[in-house]
Amino acid sequence: MESKVLEVIRKRRSIRAYRPDPIPDELLSIVLEAARLAPSARNDQPWHFIVVKDKSIREAMVEACRGQSFVAEAPVIIVGCADLRIARSHIGGFMDSYPVDLAIAFDHLMLVAAELGLGTCWIGAFNENKVKEILRLPKCVRPVGITPLGFPAESPQMPPRRSLDEVTSLNFYSNPLKLKTSDRR
């Protein structure tokens, strides 16, 4: 039995070249709905998604995204933000919830975009202060993820992935890569 979701996961790529064609509002709504439906810690839903269509703002985002010019090629940029007034701090006693909450929502968004024939690319390299300035974010809101959204102008191959045996263990941790303690980050 094959999973339709797994099929979309295998199809999704990081797209760094976009056609200028506008995205129909219906498709944009479906992609945003996927993000909205994502689970979050204690169902707090600490997210806010900024849809950037304005060309001058998209171009300003290139500098904020460390010069990644393809960001402005797409007709839309989506910025996933966390409202710190809503997000849980130190959930489980050790970390804030919002990075995980936004990652799940962005993953939903990106997978549905791929299913609809749209391209995305998670942008994690950005200057937070510049993004906050460009998008006029209040102090209590942090940008967590950025993605261009558009019809792909490229079809990259799937990058190599480690085997399932290399990334899983049964019952207890075992290290098939035989990394030394000094190799840890």
N, C-alpha and C. Protein backbone atom coordinates (compact mmCIF):
# COMPACT_ATOMS: atom_id res chain seq x y z
N MET A 1 0.84 -1.18 0.00
CA MET A 1 0.00 0.00 0.00
C MET A 1 0.89 1.25 0.00
N GLU A 2 0.58 2.19 -0.86
CA GLU A 2 1.37 3.43 -0.95
C GLU A 2 0.53 4.59 -0.42
N SER A 3 1.18 5.47 0.30
CA SER A 3 0.53 6.65 0.87
C SER A 3 0.56 7.80 -0.13
N LYS A 4 -0.57 8.47 -0.31
CA LYS A 4 -0.62 9.66 -1.18
C LYS A 4 0.22 10.79 -0.59
N VAL A 5 0.22 10.89 0.72
CA VAL A 5 1.02 11.92 1.38
C VAL A 5 2.51 11.65 1.15
N LEU A 6 2.92 10.40 1.28
CA LEU A 6 4.32 10.05 1.03
C LEU A 6 4.71 10.35 -0.42
N GLU A 7 3.79 10.14 -1.33
CA GLU A 7 4.04 10.47 -2.73
C GLU A 7 4.33 11.96 -2.90
N VAL A 8 3.56 12.81 -2.22
CA VAL A 8 3.79 14.26 -2.28
C VAL A 8 5.11 14.62 -1.61
N ILE A 9 5.42 13.97 -0.50
CA ILE A 9 6.69 14.23 0.19
C ILE A 9 7.86 13.92 -0.73
N ARG A 10 7.76 12.83 -1.47
CA ARG A 10 8.84 12.48 -2.41
C ARG A 10 8.94 13.47 -3.57
N LYS A 11 7.83 14.07 -3.92
CA LYS A 11 7.77 15.01 -5.05
C LYS A 11 8.29 16.41 -4.68
N ARG A 12 8.12 16.83 -3.43
CA ARG A 12 8.47 18.18 -3.01
C ARG A 12 9.96 18.45 -3.14
N ARG A 13 10.30 19.62 -3.65
CA ARG A 13 11.70 20.04 -3.79
C ARG A 13 11.84 21.48 -3.33
N SER A 14 13.04 21.87 -2.99
CA SER A 14 13.35 23.28 -2.75
C SER A 14 13.54 23.94 -4.10
N ILE A 15 12.66 24.85 -4.42
CA ILE A 15 12.67 25.51 -5.72
C ILE A 15 13.34 26.88 -5.59
N ARG A 16 14.29 27.12 -6.49
CA ARG A 16 15.03 28.38 -6.47
C ARG A 16 14.92 29.14 -7.80
N ALA A 17 13.93 28.79 -8.61
CA ALA A 17 13.63 29.50 -9.86
C ALA A 17 12.12 29.41 -10.08
N TYR A 18 11.51 30.57 -10.33
CA TYR A 18 10.05 30.63 -10.43
C TYR A 18 9.61 31.32 -11.72
N ARG A 19 8.49 30.87 -12.24
CA ARG A 19 7.85 31.56 -13.35
C ARG A 19 7.12 32.78 -12.77
N PRO A 20 6.94 33.83 -13.54
CA PRO A 20 6.29 35.03 -13.01
C PRO A 20 4.76 34.93 -12.93
N ASP A 21 4.19 33.82 -13.38
CA ASP A 21 2.73 33.67 -13.41
C ASP A 21 2.12 33.91 -12.02
N PRO A 22 1.04 34.67 -11.95
CA PRO A 22 0.40 34.89 -10.64
C PRO A 22 -0.22 33.59 -10.13
N ILE A 23 -0.35 33.52 -8.82
CA ILE A 23 -0.97 32.35 -8.19
C ILE A 23 -2.46 32.65 -8.01
N PRO A 24 -3.32 31.80 -8.53
CA PRO A 24 -4.76 32.02 -8.33
C PRO A 24 -5.09 32.07 -6.83
N ASP A 25 -5.97 32.98 -6.45
CA ASP A 25 -6.35 33.14 -5.04
C ASP A 25 -6.84 31.83 -4.44
N GLU A 26 -7.52 31.01 -5.24
CA GLU A 26 -8.03 29.74 -4.73
C GLU A 26 -6.88 28.84 -4.26
N LEU A 27 -5.81 28.76 -5.05
CA LEU A 27 -4.65 27.94 -4.65
C LEU A 27 -3.96 28.52 -3.42
N LEU A 28 -3.82 29.84 -3.38
CA LEU A 28 -3.20 30.49 -2.23
C LEU A 28 -4.01 30.20 -0.96
N SER A 29 -5.31 30.26 -1.07
CA SER A 29 -6.16 29.97 0.09
C SER A 29 -6.01 28.54 0.58
N ILE A 30 -5.88 27.60 -0.35
CA ILE A 30 -5.71 26.19 0.03
C ILE A 30 -4.39 25.99 0.77
N VAL A 31 -3.33 26.61 0.27
CA VAL A 31 -2.01 26.50 0.90
C VAL A 31 -2.04 27.09 2.31
N LEU A 32 -2.66 28.25 2.45
CA LEU A 32 -2.74 28.89 3.77
C LEU A 32 -3.64 28.10 4.73
N GLU A 33 -4.67 27.49 4.20
CA GLU A 33 -5.56 26.65 5.02
C GLU A 33 -4.79 25.44 5.58
N ALA A 34 -3.91 24.89 4.78
CA ALA A 34 -3.09 23.76 5.25
C ALA A 34 -2.25 24.18 6.45
N ALA A 35 -1.67 25.38 6.38
CA ALA A 35 -0.86 25.88 7.51
C ALA A 35 -1.75 26.13 8.73
N ARG A 36 -2.90 26.70 8.51
CA ARG A 36 -3.81 27.02 9.61
C ARG A 36 -4.25 25.78 10.36
N LEU A 37 -4.38 24.65 9.66
CA LEU A 37 -4.87 23.42 10.27
C LEU A 37 -3.79 22.62 11.01
N ALA A 38 -2.56 23.08 10.98
CA ALA A 38 -1.46 22.34 11.61
C ALA A 38 -1.66 22.25 13.12
N PRO A 39 -1.16 21.18 13.72
CA PRO A 39 -1.21 21.08 15.18
C PRO A 39 -0.18 22.01 15.81
N SER A 40 -0.42 22.38 17.05
CA SER A 40 0.52 23.21 17.80
C SER A 40 0.46 22.83 19.28
N ALA A 41 1.46 23.22 20.02
CA ALA A 41 1.50 22.90 21.45
C ALA A 41 0.25 23.46 22.13
N ARG A 42 -0.45 22.59 22.80
CA ARG A 42 -1.67 22.91 23.52
C ARG A 42 -2.69 23.64 22.65
N ASN A 43 -2.58 23.44 21.34
CA ASN A 43 -3.47 24.05 20.35
C ASN A 43 -3.49 25.58 20.44
N ASP A 44 -2.36 26.16 20.81
CA ASP A 44 -2.29 27.62 20.95
C ASP A 44 -2.30 28.36 19.62
N GLN A 45 -1.83 27.70 18.55
CA GLN A 45 -1.81 28.30 17.21
C GLN A 45 -1.16 29.69 17.24
N PRO A 46 0.12 29.77 17.61
CA PRO A 46 0.77 31.07 17.80
C PRO A 46 1.21 31.75 16.51
N TRP A 47 0.67 31.32 15.38
CA TRP A 47 1.18 31.79 14.10
C TRP A 47 0.39 32.93 13.50
N HIS A 48 1.10 33.61 12.62
CA HIS A 48 0.50 34.62 11.75
C HIS A 48 1.28 34.54 10.44
N PHE A 49 0.58 34.45 9.33
CA PHE A 49 1.23 34.30 8.03
C PHE A 49 1.05 35.59 7.22
N ILE A 50 2.15 36.17 6.83
CA ILE A 50 2.11 37.39 6.02
C ILE A 50 2.32 36.99 4.57
N VAL A 51 1.37 37.35 3.74
CA VAL A 51 1.42 37.05 2.30
C VAL A 51 1.91 38.33 1.61
N VAL A 52 3.09 38.24 1.03
CA VAL A 52 3.69 39.41 0.38
C VAL A 52 3.57 39.25 -1.13
N LYS A 53 2.76 40.13 -1.74
CA LYS A 53 2.60 40.13 -3.20
C LYS A 53 3.26 41.36 -3.82
N ASP A 54 3.35 42.44 -3.07
CA ASP A 54 3.89 43.69 -3.57
C ASP A 54 5.34 43.51 -4.02
N LYS A 55 5.62 43.87 -5.26
CA LYS A 55 6.95 43.66 -5.85
C LYS A 55 8.05 44.39 -5.09
N SER A 56 7.81 45.62 -4.67
CA SER A 56 8.86 46.38 -3.97
C SER A 56 9.17 45.75 -2.61
N ILE A 57 8.17 45.22 -1.94
CA ILE A 57 8.41 44.56 -0.65
C ILE A 57 9.15 43.23 -0.89
N ARG A 58 8.75 42.49 -1.93
CA ARG A 58 9.45 41.23 -2.26
C ARG A 58 10.92 41.52 -2.55
N GLU A 59 11.20 42.58 -3.29
CA GLU A 59 12.59 42.94 -3.60
C GLU A 59 13.35 43.35 -2.35
N ALA A 60 12.71 44.05 -1.44
CA ALA A 60 13.36 44.42 -0.17
C ALA A 60 13.69 43.18 0.65
N MET A 61 12.85 42.16 0.52
CA MET A 61 13.08 40.92 1.27
C MET A 61 14.33 40.18 0.80
N VAL A 62 14.79 40.43 -0.43
CA VAL A 62 16.01 39.78 -0.92
C VAL A 62 17.19 40.13 -0.02
N GLU A 63 17.36 41.40 0.28
CA GLU A 63 18.47 41.79 1.16
C GLU A 63 18.30 41.18 2.55
N ALA A 64 17.06 41.19 3.05
CA ALA A 64 16.80 40.60 4.37
C ALA A 64 17.08 39.10 4.37
N CYS A 65 16.96 38.47 3.21
CA CYS A 65 17.22 37.03 3.07
C CYS A 65 18.64 36.77 2.58
N ARG A 66 19.54 37.59 3.01
CA ARG A 66 20.98 37.43 2.75
C ARG A 66 21.31 37.35 1.25
N GLY A 67 20.59 38.16 0.45
CA GLY A 67 20.91 38.27 -0.97
C GLY A 67 20.41 37.14 -1.84
N GLN A 68 19.52 36.31 -1.33
CA GLN A 68 18.99 35.20 -2.13
C GLN A 68 17.94 35.76 -3.11
N SER A 69 18.39 36.12 -4.30
CA SER A 69 17.56 36.87 -5.26
C SER A 69 16.34 36.10 -5.73
N PHE A 70 16.39 34.77 -5.73
CA PHE A 70 15.24 34.00 -6.20
C PHE A 70 14.01 34.23 -5.34
N VAL A 71 14.20 34.71 -4.11
CA VAL A 71 13.08 34.96 -3.21
C VAL A 71 12.08 35.92 -3.86
N ALA A 72 12.58 36.94 -4.55
CA ALA A 72 11.71 37.94 -5.17
C ALA A 72 11.19 37.51 -6.54
N GLU A 73 11.74 36.43 -7.10
CA GLU A 73 11.25 35.95 -8.40
C GLU A 73 9.83 35.41 -8.32
N ALA A 74 9.52 34.79 -7.21
CA ALA A 74 8.18 34.21 -7.04
C ALA A 74 7.16 35.34 -6.89
N PRO A 75 5.94 35.12 -7.36
CA PRO A 75 4.92 36.17 -7.24
C PRO A 75 4.43 36.40 -5.82
N VAL A 76 4.76 35.48 -4.92
CA VAL A 76 4.32 35.58 -3.52
C VAL A 76 5.46 35.14 -2.62
N ILE A 77 5.59 35.80 -1.49
CA ILE A 77 6.45 35.34 -0.40
C ILE A 77 5.54 35.17 0.81
N ILE A 78 5.68 34.06 1.49
CA ILE A 78 4.93 33.85 2.73
C ILE A 78 5.92 33.85 3.88
N VAL A 79 5.61 34.66 4.88
CA VAL A 79 6.45 34.75 6.07
C VAL A 79 5.64 34.20 7.24
N GLY A 80 6.14 33.14 7.83
CA GLY A 80 5.49 32.53 8.99
C GLY A 80 6.06 33.16 10.25
N CYS A 81 5.19 33.80 11.01
CA CYS A 81 5.61 34.50 12.23
C CYS A 81 4.99 33.86 13.46
N ALA A 82 5.66 34.06 14.58
CA ALA A 82 5.16 33.57 15.86
C ALA A 82 4.79 34.77 16.73
N ASP A 83 3.61 34.74 17.29
CA ASP A 83 3.18 35.75 18.25
C ASP A 83 3.58 35.24 19.63
N LEU A 84 4.57 35.88 20.22
CA LEU A 84 5.12 35.41 21.49
C LEU A 84 4.15 35.57 22.65
N ARG A 85 3.10 36.36 22.46
CA ARG A 85 2.08 36.49 23.52
C ARG A 85 1.24 35.23 23.62
N ILE A 86 1.21 34.45 22.52
CA ILE A 86 0.39 33.24 22.47
C ILE A 86 1.23 31.99 22.68
N ALA A 87 2.45 31.99 22.16
CA ALA A 87 3.31 30.80 22.19
C ALA A 87 3.67 30.40 23.61
N ARG A 88 3.81 29.11 23.81
CA ARG A 88 4.21 28.56 25.11
C ARG A 88 5.72 28.71 25.28
N SER A 89 6.12 29.18 26.43
CA SER A 89 7.55 29.24 26.70
C SER A 89 7.92 28.08 27.61
N HIS A 90 9.06 27.55 27.37
CA HIS A 90 9.62 26.44 28.15
C HIS A 90 8.66 25.27 28.28
N ILE A 91 8.05 24.90 27.16
CA ILE A 91 7.15 23.75 27.17
C ILE A 91 7.98 22.50 27.46
N GLY A 92 7.50 21.67 28.30
CA GLY A 92 8.25 20.49 28.71
C GLY A 92 9.42 20.86 29.60
N GLY A 93 9.52 22.14 29.96
CA GLY A 93 10.57 22.58 30.86
C GLY A 93 11.89 22.93 30.19
N PHE A 94 11.95 22.88 28.84
CA PHE A 94 13.26 23.11 28.23
C PHE A 94 13.26 23.93 26.95
N MET A 95 12.13 24.16 26.31
CA MET A 95 12.17 24.92 25.06
C MET A 95 10.86 25.64 24.82
N ASP A 96 10.93 26.70 24.01
CA ASP A 96 9.73 27.40 23.60
C ASP A 96 9.04 26.58 22.49
N SER A 97 7.74 26.69 22.41
CA SER A 97 6.99 25.89 21.46
C SER A 97 6.98 26.46 20.04
N TYR A 98 7.12 27.77 19.90
CA TYR A 98 6.84 28.38 18.60
C TYR A 98 7.73 27.92 17.45
N PRO A 99 9.02 27.62 17.64
CA PRO A 99 9.78 27.15 16.46
C PRO A 99 9.22 25.84 15.90
N VAL A 100 8.82 24.94 16.78
CA VAL A 100 8.26 23.66 16.33
C VAL A 100 6.87 23.88 15.74
N ASP A 101 6.06 24.69 16.41
CA ASP A 101 4.71 24.96 15.92
C ASP A 101 4.76 25.54 14.50
N LEU A 102 5.64 26.51 14.28
CA LEU A 102 5.74 27.12 12.95
C LEU A 102 6.34 26.17 11.94
N ALA A 103 7.27 25.32 12.37
CA ALA A 103 7.86 24.35 11.44
C ALA A 103 6.80 23.37 10.94
N ILE A 104 5.94 22.93 11.84
CA ILE A 104 4.87 22.01 11.43
C ILE A 104 3.92 22.71 10.46
N ALA A 105 3.52 23.93 10.78
CA ALA A 105 2.60 24.67 9.91
C ALA A 105 3.23 24.91 8.54
N PHE A 106 4.51 25.28 8.53
CA PHE A 106 5.19 25.54 7.26
C PHE A 106 5.34 24.25 6.45
N ASP A 107 5.58 23.14 7.12
CA ASP A 107 5.68 21.87 6.42
C ASP A 107 4.34 21.52 5.77
N HIS A 108 3.24 21.71 6.50
CA HIS A 108 1.92 21.48 5.91
C HIS A 108 1.74 22.35 4.67
N LEU A 109 2.07 23.64 4.81
CA LEU A 109 1.94 24.59 3.71
C LEU A 109 2.74 24.13 2.49
N MET A 110 3.98 23.72 2.72
CA MET A 110 4.88 23.35 1.63
C MET A 110 4.44 22.05 0.94
N LEU A 111 3.94 21.12 1.71
CA LEU A 111 3.50 19.86 1.10
C LEU A 111 2.24 20.06 0.26
N VAL A 112 1.31 20.84 0.75
CA VAL A 112 0.11 21.11 -0.04
C VAL A 112 0.47 21.92 -1.28
N ALA A 113 1.39 22.87 -1.14
CA ALA A 113 1.85 23.62 -2.31
C ALA A 113 2.41 22.67 -3.37
N ALA A 114 3.23 21.72 -2.95
CA ALA A 114 3.80 20.75 -3.89
C ALA A 114 2.71 19.93 -4.56
N GLU A 115 1.72 19.52 -3.79
CA GLU A 115 0.62 18.75 -4.34
C GLU A 115 -0.12 19.55 -5.42
N LEU A 116 -0.21 20.87 -5.24
CA LEU A 116 -0.92 21.74 -6.18
C LEU A 116 -0.05 22.20 -7.34
N GLY A 117 1.20 21.74 -7.39
CA GLY A 117 2.10 22.12 -8.47
C GLY A 117 2.83 23.42 -8.24
N LEU A 118 2.82 23.90 -7.00
CA LEU A 118 3.53 25.13 -6.65
C LEU A 118 4.87 24.80 -6.02
N GLY A 119 5.81 25.71 -6.17
CA GLY A 119 7.14 25.53 -5.58
C GLY A 119 7.32 26.39 -4.35
N THR A 120 8.16 25.90 -3.45
CA THR A 120 8.52 26.61 -2.23
C THR A 120 9.98 26.34 -1.93
N CYS A 121 10.54 27.10 -1.01
CA CYS A 121 11.89 26.85 -0.51
C CYS A 121 11.99 27.49 0.86
N TRP A 122 12.16 26.66 1.87
CA TRP A 122 12.26 27.18 3.23
C TRP A 122 13.49 28.06 3.32
N ILE A 123 13.29 29.32 3.66
CA ILE A 123 14.40 30.26 3.84
C ILE A 123 14.61 30.42 5.34
N GLY A 124 15.70 29.90 5.83
CA GLY A 124 16.04 30.05 7.24
C GLY A 124 17.15 31.07 7.45
N ALA A 125 17.84 31.41 6.36
CA ALA A 125 18.93 32.39 6.45
C ALA A 125 18.36 33.76 6.14
N PHE A 126 18.02 34.48 7.19
CA PHE A 126 17.52 35.83 7.02
C PHE A 126 17.89 36.68 8.23
N ASN A 127 17.89 37.98 8.02
CA ASN A 127 18.18 38.92 9.09
C ASN A 127 16.84 39.27 9.74
N GLU A 128 16.65 38.78 10.94
CA GLU A 128 15.37 38.95 11.62
C GLU A 128 14.99 40.42 11.77
N ASN A 129 15.93 41.26 12.15
CA ASN A 129 15.61 42.67 12.34
C ASN A 129 15.18 43.35 11.04
N LYS A 130 15.83 43.00 9.93
CA LYS A 130 15.44 43.58 8.64
C LYS A 130 14.04 43.12 8.24
N VAL A 131 13.75 41.83 8.45
CA VAL A 131 12.42 41.32 8.13
C VAL A 131 11.38 42.04 8.98
N LYS A 132 11.67 42.19 10.26
CA LYS A 132 10.74 42.87 11.16
C LYS A 132 10.49 44.31 10.71
N GLU A 133 11.56 44.97 10.27
CA GLU A 133 11.43 46.35 9.81
C GLU A 133 10.61 46.43 8.52
N ILE A 134 10.96 45.60 7.55
CA ILE A 134 10.26 45.62 6.25
C ILE A 134 8.77 45.34 6.42
N LEU A 135 8.44 44.36 7.25
CA LEU A 135 7.04 43.92 7.39
C LEU A 135 6.31 44.59 8.55
N ARG A 136 7.01 45.51 9.22
CA ARG A 136 6.42 46.28 10.33
C ARG A 136 5.88 45.38 11.44
N LEU A 137 6.68 44.41 11.83
CA LEU A 137 6.26 43.48 12.88
C LEU A 137 6.42 44.13 14.25
N PRO A 138 5.47 43.93 15.13
CA PRO A 138 5.62 44.43 16.49
C PRO A 138 6.66 43.60 17.25
N LYS A 139 7.12 44.11 18.39
CA LYS A 139 8.16 43.42 19.17
C LYS A 139 7.75 42.00 19.57
N CYS A 140 6.47 41.77 19.78
CA CYS A 140 6.01 40.47 20.26
C CYS A 140 5.87 39.44 19.14
N VAL A 141 6.22 39.81 17.91
CA VAL A 141 6.09 38.88 16.78
C VAL A 141 7.46 38.64 16.16
N ARG A 142 7.79 37.36 16.00
CA ARG A 142 9.09 36.98 15.41
C ARG A 142 8.88 36.22 14.11
N PRO A 143 9.63 36.59 13.06
CA PRO A 143 9.59 35.77 11.85
C PRO A 143 10.36 34.47 12.10
N VAL A 144 9.79 33.36 11.69
CA VAL A 144 10.42 32.06 11.93
C VAL A 144 10.82 31.39 10.61
N GLY A 145 9.96 31.50 9.62
CA GLY A 145 10.25 30.89 8.32
C GLY A 145 9.75 31.77 7.19
N ILE A 146 10.44 31.70 6.09
CA ILE A 146 10.07 32.46 4.89
C ILE A 146 10.12 31.50 3.72
N THR A 147 9.14 31.60 2.84
CA THR A 147 9.19 30.83 1.61
C THR A 147 8.64 31.63 0.44
N PRO A 148 9.36 31.61 -0.68
CA PRO A 148 8.74 32.08 -1.91
C PRO A 148 7.68 31.06 -2.30
N LEU A 149 6.69 31.49 -3.03
CA LEU A 149 5.63 30.58 -3.48
C LEU A 149 5.28 30.95 -4.91
N GLY A 150 5.42 29.97 -5.79
CA GLY A 150 5.11 30.22 -7.19
C GLY A 150 5.21 28.95 -8.01
N PHE A 151 4.95 29.10 -9.29
CA PHE A 151 5.07 27.96 -10.20
C PHE A 151 6.54 27.75 -10.53
N PRO A 152 7.06 26.55 -10.34
CA PRO A 152 8.49 26.29 -10.55
C PRO A 152 8.93 26.53 -12.00
N ALA A 153 10.13 27.07 -12.12
CA ALA A 153 10.78 27.22 -13.44
C ALA A 153 11.95 26.24 -13.53
N GLU A 154 11.97 25.26 -12.64
CA GLU A 154 13.00 24.24 -12.63
C GLU A 154 12.41 22.96 -12.05
N SER A 155 13.10 21.85 -12.28
CA SER A 155 12.68 20.55 -11.75
C SER A 155 13.89 19.83 -11.17
N PRO A 156 14.34 20.25 -9.99
CA PRO A 156 15.53 19.61 -9.41
C PRO A 156 15.28 18.15 -9.04
N GLN A 157 16.34 17.37 -9.09
CA GLN A 157 16.27 15.97 -8.68
C GLN A 157 16.27 15.91 -7.15
N MET A 158 15.80 14.79 -6.63
CA MET A 158 15.82 14.61 -5.17
C MET A 158 17.27 14.48 -4.71
N PRO A 159 17.65 15.26 -3.71
CA PRO A 159 19.01 15.11 -3.19
C PRO A 159 19.15 13.77 -2.45
N PRO A 160 20.37 13.29 -2.30
CA PRO A 160 20.54 11.99 -1.62
C PRO A 160 20.01 12.04 -0.19
N ARG A 161 19.46 10.95 0.22
CA ARG A 161 18.97 10.80 1.59
C ARG A 161 19.66 9.60 2.23
N ARG A 162 19.94 9.72 3.52
CA ARG A 162 20.50 8.58 4.25
C ARG A 162 19.44 7.49 4.31
N SER A 163 19.89 6.25 4.40
CA SER A 163 18.96 5.12 4.44
C SER A 163 18.18 5.11 5.76
N LEU A 164 17.06 4.43 5.75
CA LEU A 164 16.24 4.29 6.95
C LEU A 164 17.04 3.65 8.09
N ASP A 165 17.87 2.69 7.77
CA ASP A 165 18.70 2.03 8.79
C ASP A 165 19.67 3.01 9.46
N GLU A 166 20.09 4.02 8.72
CA GLU A 166 21.04 4.98 9.28
C GLU A 166 20.39 6.01 10.20
N VAL A 167 19.08 6.15 10.11
CA VAL A 167 18.42 7.20 10.89
C VAL A 167 17.42 6.68 11.90
N THR A 168 17.36 5.35 12.09
CA THR A 168 16.43 4.79 13.07
C THR A 168 17.13 3.76 13.95
N SER A 169 16.57 3.60 15.14
CA SER A 169 17.04 2.57 16.09
C SER A 169 15.79 1.93 16.70
N LEU A 170 15.94 0.74 17.22
CA LEU A 170 14.84 0.07 17.88
C LEU A 170 15.10 0.04 19.38
N ASN A 171 14.18 0.59 20.12
CA ASN A 171 14.18 0.61 21.58
C ASN A 171 15.22 1.52 22.20
N PHE A 172 16.46 1.47 21.75
CA PHE A 172 17.52 2.29 22.33
C PHE A 172 18.33 2.92 21.21
N TYR A 173 18.98 4.02 21.52
CA TYR A 173 19.80 4.69 20.52
C TYR A 173 21.00 3.83 20.16
N SER A 174 21.23 3.71 18.88
CA SER A 174 22.46 3.10 18.39
C SER A 174 22.94 3.99 17.26
N ASN A 175 24.22 4.11 17.11
CA ASN A 175 24.80 5.05 16.16
C ASN A 175 25.44 4.30 15.01
N PRO A 176 24.71 4.08 13.93
CA PRO A 176 25.28 3.34 12.80
C PRO A 176 26.39 4.10 12.08
N LEU A 177 26.47 5.42 12.30
CA LEU A 177 27.50 6.21 11.63
C LEU A 177 28.83 6.20 12.39
N LYS A 178 28.81 5.67 13.58
CA LYS A 178 30.01 5.54 14.40
C LYS A 178 30.73 6.88 14.56
N LEU A 179 29.95 7.92 14.82
CA LEU A 179 30.54 9.23 15.07
C LEU A 179 31.22 9.25 16.42
N LYS A 180 32.32 9.92 16.50
CA LYS A 180 32.99 10.11 17.78
C LYS A 180 32.29 11.23 18.53
N THR A 181 32.41 11.21 19.84
CA THR A 181 31.84 12.26 20.65
C THR A 181 32.30 13.64 20.19
N SER A 182 33.52 13.74 19.74
CA SER A 182 34.05 15.04 19.27
C SER A 182 33.39 15.49 17.98
N ASP A 183 32.66 14.61 17.28
CA ASP A 183 31.99 14.98 16.04
C ASP A 183 30.63 15.64 16.28
N ARG A 184 30.16 15.60 17.52
CA ARG A 184 28.85 16.19 17.82
C ARG A 184 28.91 17.71 17.65
N ARG A 185 27.78 18.27 17.33
CA ARG A 185 27.67 19.72 17.19
C ARG A 185 27.52 20.36 18.52
